[in-house]
All heavy atoms as atom14 arrays in JSON, in Angstrom:
{
  "sequence": "KRSDQRFIAELFRMQTTDLLNIQIKKSQRLKPGELWKFPWDGDGV",
  "atom14_mask": [
    [1, 1, 1, 1, 1, 1, 1, 1, 1, 0, 0, 0, 0, 0],
    [1, 1, 1, 1, 1, 1, 1, 1, 1, 1, 1, 0, 0, 0],
    [1, 1, 1, 1, 1, 1, 0, 0, 0, 0, 0, 0, 0, 0],
    [1, 1, 1, 1, 1, 1, 1, 1, 0, 0, 0, 0, 0, 0],
    [1, 1, 1, 1, 1, 1, 1, 1, 1, 0, 0, 0, 0, 0],
    [1, 1, 1, 1, 1, 1, 1, 1, 1, 1, 1, 0, 0, 0],
    [1, 1, 1, 1, 1, 1, 1, 1, 1, 1, 1, 0, 0, 0],
    [1, 1, 1, 1, 1, 1, 1, 1, 0, 0, 0, 0, 0, 0],
    [1, 1, 1, 1, 1, 0, 0, 0, 0, 0, 0, 0, 0, 0],
    [1, 1, 1, 1, 1, 1, 1, 1, 1, 0, 0, 0, 0, 0],
    [1, 1, 1, 1, 1, 1, 1, 1, 0, 0, 0, 0, 0, 0],
    [1, 1, 1, 1, 1, 1, 1, 1, 1, 1, 1, 0, 0, 0],
    [1, 1, 1, 1, 1, 1, 1, 1, 1, 1, 1, 0, 0, 0],
    [1, 1, 1, 1, 1, 1, 1, 1, 0, 0, 0, 0, 0, 0],
    [1, 1, 1, 1, 1, 1, 1, 1, 1, 0, 0, 0, 0, 0],
    [1, 1, 1, 1, 1, 1, 1, 0, 0, 0, 0, 0, 0, 0],
    [1, 1, 1, 1, 1, 1, 1, 0, 0, 0, 0, 0, 0, 0],
    [1, 1, 1, 1, 1, 1, 1, 1, 0, 0, 0, 0, 0, 0],
    [1, 1, 1, 1, 1, 1, 1, 1, 0, 0, 0, 0, 0, 0],
    [1, 1, 1, 1, 1, 1, 1, 1, 0, 0, 0, 0, 0, 0],
    [1, 1, 1, 1, 1, 1, 1, 1, 0, 0, 0, 0, 0, 0],
    [1, 1, 1, 1, 1, 1, 1, 1, 0, 0, 0, 0, 0, 0],
    [1, 1, 1, 1, 1, 1, 1, 1, 1, 0, 0, 0, 0, 0],
    [1, 1, 1, 1, 1, 1, 1, 1, 0, 0, 0, 0, 0, 0],
    [1, 1, 1, 1, 1, 1, 1, 1, 1, 0, 0, 0, 0, 0],
    [1, 1, 1, 1, 1, 1, 1, 1, 1, 0, 0, 0, 0, 0],
    [1, 1, 1, 1, 1, 1, 0, 0, 0, 0, 0, 0, 0, 0],
    [1, 1, 1, 1, 1, 1, 1, 1, 1, 0, 0, 0, 0, 0],
    [1, 1, 1, 1, 1, 1, 1, 1, 1, 1, 1, 0, 0, 0],
    [1, 1, 1, 1, 1, 1, 1, 1, 0, 0, 0, 0, 0, 0],
    [1, 1, 1, 1, 1, 1, 1, 1, 1, 0, 0, 0, 0, 0],
    [1, 1, 1, 1, 1, 1, 1, 0, 0, 0, 0, 0, 0, 0],
    [1, 1, 1, 1, 0, 0, 0, 0, 0, 0, 0, 0, 0, 0],
    [1, 1, 1, 1, 1, 1, 1, 1, 1, 0, 0, 0, 0, 0],
    [1, 1, 1, 1, 1, 1, 1, 1, 0, 0, 0, 0, 0, 0],
    [1, 1, 1, 1, 1, 1, 1, 1, 1, 1, 1, 1, 1, 1],
    [1, 1, 1, 1, 1, 1, 1, 1, 1, 0, 0, 0, 0, 0],
    [1, 1, 1, 1, 1, 1, 1, 1, 1, 1, 1, 0, 0, 0],
    [1, 1, 1, 1, 1, 1, 1, 0, 0, 0, 0, 0, 0, 0],
    [1, 1, 1, 1, 1, 1, 1, 1, 1, 1, 1, 1, 1, 1],
    [1, 1, 1, 1, 1, 1, 1, 1, 0, 0, 0, 0, 0, 0],
    [1, 1, 1, 1, 0, 0, 0, 0, 0, 0, 0, 0, 0, 0],
    [1, 1, 1, 1, 1, 1, 1, 1, 0, 0, 0, 0, 0, 0],
    [1, 1, 1, 1, 0, 0, 0, 0, 0, 0, 0, 0, 0, 0],
    [1, 1, 1, 1, 1, 1, 1, 0, 0, 0, 0, 0, 0, 0]
  ],
  "atom14_positions": [
    [[-0.15, 79.28, 30.02], [-0.07, 80.71, 29.64], [1.34, 81.05, 29.13], [1.49, 81.73, 28.13], [-0.43, 81.61, 30.82], [-1.89, 81.69, 31.09], [-2.56, 82.44, 29.96], [-4.0, 82.72, 30.29], [-4.7, 83.26, 29.12], [0.0, 0.0, 0.0], [0.0, 0.0, 0.0], [0.0, 0.0, 0.0], [0.0, 0.0, 0.0], [0.0, 0.0, 0.0]],
    [[2.37, 80.58, 29.84], [3.75, 80.83, 29.41], [4.03, 80.18, 28.06], [4.71, 80.76, 27.22], [4.75, 80.34, 30.47], [4.89, 81.27, 31.64], [6.06, 80.89, 32.54], [5.99, 79.53, 33.02], [5.36, 79.13, 34.12], [4.73, 80.0, 34.87], [5.37, 77.87, 34.48], [0.0, 0.0, 0.0], [0.0, 0.0, 0.0], [0.0, 0.0, 0.0]],
    [[3.5, 79.01, 27.84], [3.67, 78.32, 26.56], [3.03, 79.11, 25.44], [3.61, 79.26, 24.35], [3.08, 76.91, 26.63], [3.17, 76.27, 25.4], [0.0, 0.0, 0.0], [0.0, 0.0, 0.0], [0.0, 0.0, 0.0], [0.0, 0.0, 0.0], [0.0, 0.0, 0.0], [0.0, 0.0, 0.0], [0.0, 0.0, 0.0], [0.0, 0.0, 0.0]],
    [[1.83, 79.64, 25.68], [1.16, 80.47, 24.67], [1.97, 81.74, 24.39], [2.13, 82.13, 23.23], [-0.24, 80.87, 25.15], [-1.21, 79.7, 25.2], [-0.9, 78.63, 24.6], [-2.27, 79.84, 25.83], [0.0, 0.0, 0.0], [0.0, 0.0, 0.0], [0.0, 0.0, 0.0], [0.0, 0.0, 0.0], [0.0, 0.0, 0.0], [0.0, 0.0, 0.0]],
    [[2.49, 82.37, 25.43], [3.29, 83.59, 25.25], [4.55, 83.28, 24.45], [4.95, 84.07, 23.59], [3.64, 84.2, 26.6], [2.47, 84.8, 27.32], [2.79, 85.19, 28.74], [3.77, 84.76, 29.32], [1.94, 86.02, 29.32], [0.0, 0.0, 0.0], [0.0, 0.0, 0.0], [0.0, 0.0, 0.0], [0.0, 0.0, 0.0], [0.0, 0.0, 0.0]],
    [[5.17, 82.15, 24.74], [6.38, 81.78, 24.02], [6.08, 81.55, 22.54], [6.83, 81.99, 21.67], [7.0, 80.53, 24.64], [8.25, 80.1, 23.94], [8.91, 78.93, 24.63], [10.04, 78.47, 23.85], [10.95, 77.64, 24.29], [10.89, 77.17, 25.5], [11.94, 77.26, 23.51], [0.0, 0.0, 0.0], [0.0, 0.0, 0.0], [0.0, 0.0, 0.0]],
    [[4.99, 80.87, 22.25], [4.6, 80.62, 20.86], [4.42, 81.93, 20.11], [4.91, 82.12, 19.0], [3.32, 79.78, 20.81], [2.79, 79.62, 19.42], [3.35, 78.72, 18.54], [1.71, 80.39, 18.98], [2.87, 78.57, 17.25], [1.22, 80.26, 17.7], [1.8, 79.36, 16.83], [0.0, 0.0, 0.0], [0.0, 0.0, 0.0], [0.0, 0.0, 0.0]],
    [[3.69, 82.87, 20.71], [3.43, 84.16, 20.06], [4.73, 84.94, 19.88], [4.97, 85.52, 18.82], [2.39, 84.96, 20.87], [1.03, 84.27, 20.77], [2.31, 86.41, 20.38], [-0.01, 84.78, 21.74], [0.0, 0.0, 0.0], [0.0, 0.0, 0.0], [0.0, 0.0, 0.0], [0.0, 0.0, 0.0], [0.0, 0.0, 0.0], [0.0, 0.0, 0.0]],
    [[5.59, 84.94, 20.89], [6.86, 85.65, 20.79], [7.74, 85.06, 19.68], [8.33, 85.8, 18.88], [7.61, 85.61, 22.12], [0.0, 0.0, 0.0], [0.0, 0.0, 0.0], [0.0, 0.0, 0.0], [0.0, 0.0, 0.0], [0.0, 0.0, 0.0], [0.0, 0.0, 0.0], [0.0, 0.0, 0.0], [0.0, 0.0, 0.0], [0.0, 0.0, 0.0]],
    [[7.79, 83.74, 19.6], [8.57, 83.08, 18.54], [8.0, 83.4, 17.16], [8.75, 83.63, 16.21], [8.59, 81.56, 18.75], [9.38, 81.1, 19.95], [10.89, 81.16, 19.75], [11.36, 81.47, 18.64], [11.59, 80.87, 20.71], [0.0, 0.0, 0.0], [0.0, 0.0, 0.0], [0.0, 0.0, 0.0], [0.0, 0.0, 0.0], [0.0, 0.0, 0.0]],
    [[6.69, 83.43, 17.06], [6.04, 83.74, 15.79], [6.38, 85.17, 15.34], [6.77, 85.4, 14.19], [4.53, 83.57, 15.92], [3.7, 83.86, 14.67], [4.05, 82.87, 13.55], [2.22, 83.75, 15.02], [0.0, 0.0, 0.0], [0.0, 0.0, 0.0], [0.0, 0.0, 0.0], [0.0, 0.0, 0.0], [0.0, 0.0, 0.0], [0.0, 0.0, 0.0]],
    [[6.27, 86.13, 16.26], [6.62, 87.51, 15.93], [8.08, 87.64, 15.54], [8.42, 88.36, 14.58], [6.32, 88.44, 17.11], [4.92, 88.96, 17.11], [3.97, 88.41, 17.95], [4.56, 90.0, 16.28], [2.68, 88.89, 17.96], [3.26, 90.48, 16.28], [2.31, 89.92, 17.13], [0.0, 0.0, 0.0], [0.0, 0.0, 0.0], [0.0, 0.0, 0.0]],
    [[8.95, 86.97, 16.26], [10.39, 87.06, 15.97], [10.68, 86.48, 14.58], [11.42, 87.08, 13.8], [11.2, 86.33, 17.05], [12.69, 86.36, 16.78], [13.51, 85.94, 17.97], [13.42, 84.52, 18.26], [14.17, 83.93, 19.18], [15.04, 84.61, 19.9], [14.04, 82.64, 19.4], [0.0, 0.0, 0.0], [0.0, 0.0, 0.0], [0.0, 0.0, 0.0]],
    [[10.08, 85.34, 14.27], [10.32, 84.71, 12.97], [9.76, 85.57, 11.84], [10.43, 85.79, 10.82], [9.69, 83.32, 12.93], [9.97, 82.57, 11.64], [11.71, 82.24, 11.36], [12.01, 80.98, 12.56], [0.0, 0.0, 0.0], [0.0, 0.0, 0.0], [0.0, 0.0, 0.0], [0.0, 0.0, 0.0], [0.0, 0.0, 0.0], [0.0, 0.0, 0.0]],
    [[8.55, 86.07, 12.0], [7.96, 86.9, 10.94], [8.76, 88.18, 10.73], [9.0, 88.58, 9.6], [6.52, 87.26, 11.31], [5.56, 86.12, 11.17], [4.16, 86.51, 11.58], [3.95, 87.35, 12.45], [3.17, 85.89, 10.95], [0.0, 0.0, 0.0], [0.0, 0.0, 0.0], [0.0, 0.0, 0.0], [0.0, 0.0, 0.0], [0.0, 0.0, 0.0]],
    [[9.17, 88.82, 11.81], [9.93, 90.06, 11.69], [11.28, 89.79, 11.03], [11.71, 90.56, 10.16], [10.13, 90.7, 13.07], [8.84, 90.91, 13.67], [10.85, 92.02, 12.96], [0.0, 0.0, 0.0], [0.0, 0.0, 0.0], [0.0, 0.0, 0.0], [0.0, 0.0, 0.0], [0.0, 0.0, 0.0], [0.0, 0.0, 0.0], [0.0, 0.0, 0.0]],
    [[11.93, 88.71, 11.4], [13.21, 88.35, 10.78], [13.03, 88.11, 9.29], [13.83, 88.59, 8.47], [13.81, 87.1, 11.45], [13.94, 87.34, 12.86], [15.17, 86.77, 10.89], [0.0, 0.0, 0.0], [0.0, 0.0, 0.0], [0.0, 0.0, 0.0], [0.0, 0.0, 0.0], [0.0, 0.0, 0.0], [0.0, 0.0, 0.0], [0.0, 0.0, 0.0]],
    [[11.99, 87.39, 8.92], [11.73, 87.13, 7.49], [11.49, 88.43, 6.73], [12.0, 88.62, 5.62], [10.54, 86.19, 7.31], [10.86, 84.75, 7.68], [12.05, 84.42, 7.83], [9.9, 83.97, 7.83], [0.0, 0.0, 0.0], [0.0, 0.0, 0.0], [0.0, 0.0, 0.0], [0.0, 0.0, 0.0], [0.0, 0.0, 0.0], [0.0, 0.0, 0.0]],
    [[10.7, 89.33, 7.32], [10.42, 90.6, 6.65], [11.67, 91.46, 6.49], [11.82, 92.17, 5.5], [9.34, 91.37, 7.41], [7.94, 90.79, 7.31], [7.0, 91.49, 8.29], [7.4, 90.89, 5.9], [0.0, 0.0, 0.0], [0.0, 0.0, 0.0], [0.0, 0.0, 0.0], [0.0, 0.0, 0.0], [0.0, 0.0, 0.0], [0.0, 0.0, 0.0]],
    [[12.56, 91.4, 7.45], [13.82, 92.14, 7.33], [14.75, 91.48, 6.32], [15.38, 92.16, 5.51], [14.52, 92.23, 8.69], [13.85, 93.11, 9.74], [14.55, 92.94, 11.08], [13.82, 94.56, 9.32], [0.0, 0.0, 0.0], [0.0, 0.0, 0.0], [0.0, 0.0, 0.0], [0.0, 0.0, 0.0], [0.0, 0.0, 0.0], [0.0, 0.0, 0.0]],
    [[14.82, 90.17, 6.34], [15.77, 89.45, 5.48], [15.46, 89.54, 4.0], [16.38, 89.46, 3.17], [15.88, 87.99, 5.91], [16.75, 87.82, 7.12], [17.6, 88.66, 7.43], [16.56, 86.73, 7.84], [0.0, 0.0, 0.0], [0.0, 0.0, 0.0], [0.0, 0.0, 0.0], [0.0, 0.0, 0.0], [0.0, 0.0, 0.0], [0.0, 0.0, 0.0]],
    [[14.2, 89.72, 3.63], [13.9, 89.83, 2.2], [14.39, 91.16, 1.62], [14.43, 91.32, 0.41], [12.39, 89.65, 1.89], [11.56, 90.73, 2.57], [11.94, 88.26, 2.26], [10.09, 90.72, 2.18], [0.0, 0.0, 0.0], [0.0, 0.0, 0.0], [0.0, 0.0, 0.0], [0.0, 0.0, 0.0], [0.0, 0.0, 0.0], [0.0, 0.0, 0.0]],
    [[14.81, 92.06, 2.48], [15.24, 93.39, 2.04], [16.75, 93.56, 1.99], [17.23, 94.61, 1.59], [14.66, 94.46, 2.97], [13.14, 94.43, 3.02], [12.6, 95.42, 4.01], [12.94, 96.58, 3.95], [11.77, 94.95, 4.92], [0.0, 0.0, 0.0], [0.0, 0.0, 0.0], [0.0, 0.0, 0.0], [0.0, 0.0, 0.0], [0.0, 0.0, 0.0]],
    [[17.49, 92.55, 2.41], [18.95, 92.68, 2.45], [19.62, 91.53, 1.72], [18.99, 90.51, 1.43], [19.48, 92.78, 3.9], [19.06, 91.59, 4.74], [19.03, 94.08, 4.55], [19.57, 91.61, 6.17], [0.0, 0.0, 0.0], [0.0, 0.0, 0.0], [0.0, 0.0, 0.0], [0.0, 0.0, 0.0], [0.0, 0.0, 0.0], [0.0, 0.0, 0.0]],
    [[20.9, 91.69, 1.45], [21.66, 90.65, 0.75], [21.69, 89.36, 1.56], [21.67, 89.37, 2.79], [23.1, 91.12, 0.52], [23.24, 92.24, -0.46], [24.7, 92.62, -0.6], [24.87, 93.76, -1.56], [26.26, 94.2, -1.65], [0.0, 0.0, 0.0], [0.0, 0.0, 0.0], [0.0, 0.0, 0.0], [0.0, 0.0, 0.0], [0.0, 0.0, 0.0]],
    [[21.79, 88.26, 0.84], [21.79, 86.94, 1.48], [22.93, 86.82, 2.5], [22.77, 86.25, 3.57], [21.9, 85.84, 0.43], [21.71, 84.47, 0.97], [21.67, 83.43, -0.13], [21.37, 82.07, 0.44], [21.22, 81.06, -0.59], [0.0, 0.0, 0.0], [0.0, 0.0, 0.0], [0.0, 0.0, 0.0], [0.0, 0.0, 0.0], [0.0, 0.0, 0.0]],
    [[24.08, 87.39, 2.18], [25.24, 87.29, 3.07], [25.08, 88.09, 4.37], [25.8, 87.87, 5.33], [26.5, 87.77, 2.35], [26.37, 89.13, 1.99], [0.0, 0.0, 0.0], [0.0, 0.0, 0.0], [0.0, 0.0, 0.0], [0.0, 0.0, 0.0], [0.0, 0.0, 0.0], [0.0, 0.0, 0.0], [0.0, 0.0, 0.0], [0.0, 0.0, 0.0]],
    [[24.12, 89.02, 4.4], [23.92, 89.87, 5.57], [22.68, 89.49, 6.37], [22.35, 90.17, 7.34], [23.79, 91.33, 5.12], [25.03, 91.88, 4.49], [24.83, 93.29, 3.99], [23.77, 93.63, 3.47], [25.85, 94.12, 4.14], [0.0, 0.0, 0.0], [0.0, 0.0, 0.0], [0.0, 0.0, 0.0], [0.0, 0.0, 0.0], [0.0, 0.0, 0.0]],
    [[22.01, 88.43, 6.0], [20.76, 88.07, 6.64], [20.93, 87.75, 8.13], [21.95, 87.24, 8.56], [20.11, 86.9, 5.92], [19.61, 87.35, 4.56], [18.75, 86.34, 3.91], [18.29, 86.88, 2.63], [17.91, 86.14, 1.64], [17.9, 84.83, 1.75], [17.51, 86.7, 0.53], [0.0, 0.0, 0.0], [0.0, 0.0, 0.0], [0.0, 0.0, 0.0]],
    [[19.88, 88.06, 8.86], [19.84, 87.84, 10.31], [19.25, 86.47, 10.62], [18.39, 85.98, 9.91], [18.93, 88.88, 10.96], [19.34, 90.32, 10.92], [18.16, 91.2, 11.29], [20.49, 90.56, 11.87], [0.0, 0.0, 0.0], [0.0, 0.0, 0.0], [0.0, 0.0, 0.0], [0.0, 0.0, 0.0], [0.0, 0.0, 0.0], [0.0, 0.0, 0.0]],
    [[19.68, 85.93, 11.73], [19.0, 84.77, 12.3], [18.05, 85.32, 13.35], [18.3, 86.39, 13.93], [20.02, 83.82, 12.94], [20.93, 83.18, 11.9], [21.9, 82.24, 12.55], [22.8, 81.65, 11.46], [23.89, 80.9, 12.0], [0.0, 0.0, 0.0], [0.0, 0.0, 0.0], [0.0, 0.0, 0.0], [0.0, 0.0, 0.0], [0.0, 0.0, 0.0]],
    [[16.96, 84.62, 13.62], [15.99, 85.14, 14.59], [16.62, 85.51, 15.94], [16.28, 86.53, 16.52], [14.97, 84.0, 14.73], [15.03, 83.31, 13.41], [16.48, 83.39, 12.99], [0.0, 0.0, 0.0], [0.0, 0.0, 0.0], [0.0, 0.0, 0.0], [0.0, 0.0, 0.0], [0.0, 0.0, 0.0], [0.0, 0.0, 0.0], [0.0, 0.0, 0.0]],
    [[17.55, 84.71, 16.42], [18.19, 84.99, 17.7], [19.08, 86.21, 17.69], [19.4, 86.76, 18.75], [0.0, 0.0, 0.0], [0.0, 0.0, 0.0], [0.0, 0.0, 0.0], [0.0, 0.0, 0.0], [0.0, 0.0, 0.0], [0.0, 0.0, 0.0], [0.0, 0.0, 0.0], [0.0, 0.0, 0.0], [0.0, 0.0, 0.0], [0.0, 0.0, 0.0]],
    [[19.49, 86.64, 16.51], [20.28, 87.87, 16.42], [19.4, 89.1, 16.53], [19.84, 90.15, 16.95], [21.03, 87.93, 15.09], [22.12, 86.89, 14.94], [22.74, 86.92, 13.57], [22.0, 86.8, 12.56], [23.97, 87.07, 13.5], [0.0, 0.0, 0.0], [0.0, 0.0, 0.0], [0.0, 0.0, 0.0], [0.0, 0.0, 0.0], [0.0, 0.0, 0.0]],
    [[18.15, 88.96, 16.1], [17.23, 90.08, 16.14], [16.77, 90.33, 17.57], [16.89, 91.43, 18.08], [16.03, 89.79, 15.24], [14.98, 90.89, 15.17], [15.58, 92.16, 14.58], [13.8, 90.41, 14.35], [0.0, 0.0, 0.0], [0.0, 0.0, 0.0], [0.0, 0.0, 0.0], [0.0, 0.0, 0.0], [0.0, 0.0, 0.0], [0.0, 0.0, 0.0]],
    [[16.24, 89.3, 18.2], [15.79, 89.39, 19.59], [16.23, 88.13, 20.31], [16.08, 87.03, 19.8], [14.26, 89.44, 19.69], [13.63, 90.69, 19.19], [14.04, 91.96, 19.42], [12.45, 90.77, 18.4], [13.19, 92.84, 18.82], [12.2, 92.14, 18.18], [11.58, 89.84, 17.86], [11.12, 92.59, 17.45], [10.52, 90.29, 17.13], [10.28, 91.65, 16.93]],
    [[16.73, 88.28, 21.52], [17.08, 87.14, 22.36], [16.0, 86.97, 23.41], [15.56, 87.94, 24.02], [18.44, 87.35, 23.0], [19.56, 87.35, 21.99], [20.9, 87.15, 22.66], [22.02, 87.17, 21.67], [22.02, 86.09, 20.72], [0.0, 0.0, 0.0], [0.0, 0.0, 0.0], [0.0, 0.0, 0.0], [0.0, 0.0, 0.0], [0.0, 0.0, 0.0]],
    [[15.6, 85.72, 23.59], [14.59, 85.42, 24.59], [15.21, 84.57, 25.7], [16.21, 83.88, 25.47], [13.42, 84.65, 23.97], [12.62, 85.45, 22.98], [12.25, 84.9, 21.76], [12.24, 86.75, 23.25], [11.49, 85.63, 20.85], [11.49, 87.48, 22.35], [11.11, 86.92, 21.15], [0.0, 0.0, 0.0], [0.0, 0.0, 0.0], [0.0, 0.0, 0.0]],
    [[14.63, 84.6, 26.89], [15.2, 83.84, 28.02], [15.33, 82.35, 27.74], [16.23, 81.69, 28.26], [14.2, 84.08, 29.15], [13.53, 85.36, 28.81], [13.48, 85.41, 27.3], [0.0, 0.0, 0.0], [0.0, 0.0, 0.0], [0.0, 0.0, 0.0], [0.0, 0.0, 0.0], [0.0, 0.0, 0.0], [0.0, 0.0, 0.0], [0.0, 0.0, 0.0]],
    [[14.48, 81.78, 26.89], [14.52, 80.35, 26.64], [15.49, 79.97, 25.52], [15.57, 78.8, 25.15], [13.12, 79.84, 26.31], [12.46, 80.57, 25.2], [12.65, 80.38, 23.85], [11.51, 81.62, 25.3], [11.88, 81.24, 23.12], [11.16, 82.04, 23.99], [10.91, 82.27, 26.38], [10.25, 83.04, 23.75], [10.0, 83.28, 26.11], [9.69, 83.65, 24.82]],
    [[16.23, 80.91, 24.99], [17.16, 80.59, 23.9], [18.33, 79.73, 24.38], [19.03, 79.16, 23.56], [17.68, 81.87, 23.24], [16.64, 82.51, 22.34], [15.69, 81.82, 21.93], [16.77, 83.72, 22.07], [0.0, 0.0, 0.0], [0.0, 0.0, 0.0], [0.0, 0.0, 0.0], [0.0, 0.0, 0.0], [0.0, 0.0, 0.0], [0.0, 0.0, 0.0]],
    [[18.57, 79.67, 25.66], [19.57, 78.75, 26.2], [21.0, 79.2, 26.09], [21.91, 78.4, 26.23], [0.0, 0.0, 0.0], [0.0, 0.0, 0.0], [0.0, 0.0, 0.0], [0.0, 0.0, 0.0], [0.0, 0.0, 0.0], [0.0, 0.0, 0.0], [0.0, 0.0, 0.0], [0.0, 0.0, 0.0], [0.0, 0.0, 0.0], [0.0, 0.0, 0.0]],
    [[21.24, 80.48, 25.87], [22.62, 80.95, 25.77], [23.0, 81.84, 26.95], [23.85, 82.71, 26.84], [22.86, 81.68, 24.46], [21.93, 82.87, 24.26], [21.09, 83.12, 25.15], [22.04, 83.54, 23.22], [0.0, 0.0, 0.0], [0.0, 0.0, 0.0], [0.0, 0.0, 0.0], [0.0, 0.0, 0.0], [0.0, 0.0, 0.0], [0.0, 0.0, 0.0]],
    [[22.34, 81.63, 28.08], [22.65, 82.4, 29.28], [21.98, 83.76, 29.31], [22.21, 84.53, 30.23], [0.0, 0.0, 0.0], [0.0, 0.0, 0.0], [0.0, 0.0, 0.0], [0.0, 0.0, 0.0], [0.0, 0.0, 0.0], [0.0, 0.0, 0.0], [0.0, 0.0, 0.0], [0.0, 0.0, 0.0], [0.0, 0.0, 0.0], [0.0, 0.0, 0.0]],
    [[21.13, 84.03, 28.33], [20.48, 85.34, 28.27], [19.56, 85.56, 29.47], [19.36, 86.69, 29.9], [19.76, 85.5, 26.91], [18.29, 85.22, 26.99], [19.98, 86.87, 26.34], [0.0, 0.0, 0.0], [0.0, 0.0, 0.0], [0.0, 0.0, 0.0], [0.0, 0.0, 0.0], [0.0, 0.0, 0.0], [0.0, 0.0, 0.0], [0.0, 0.0, 0.0]]
  ]
}
């Protein structure tokens, strides 16, 4: 169940990041981890 939830969360984060990035300059684009941080990102979050 946790694996399924993680997959869906990653998919939403990636899609949302892509939709935002097509609207802004290349130099200002976001990385998925900048948009939303998840507990499994491994940066102490």
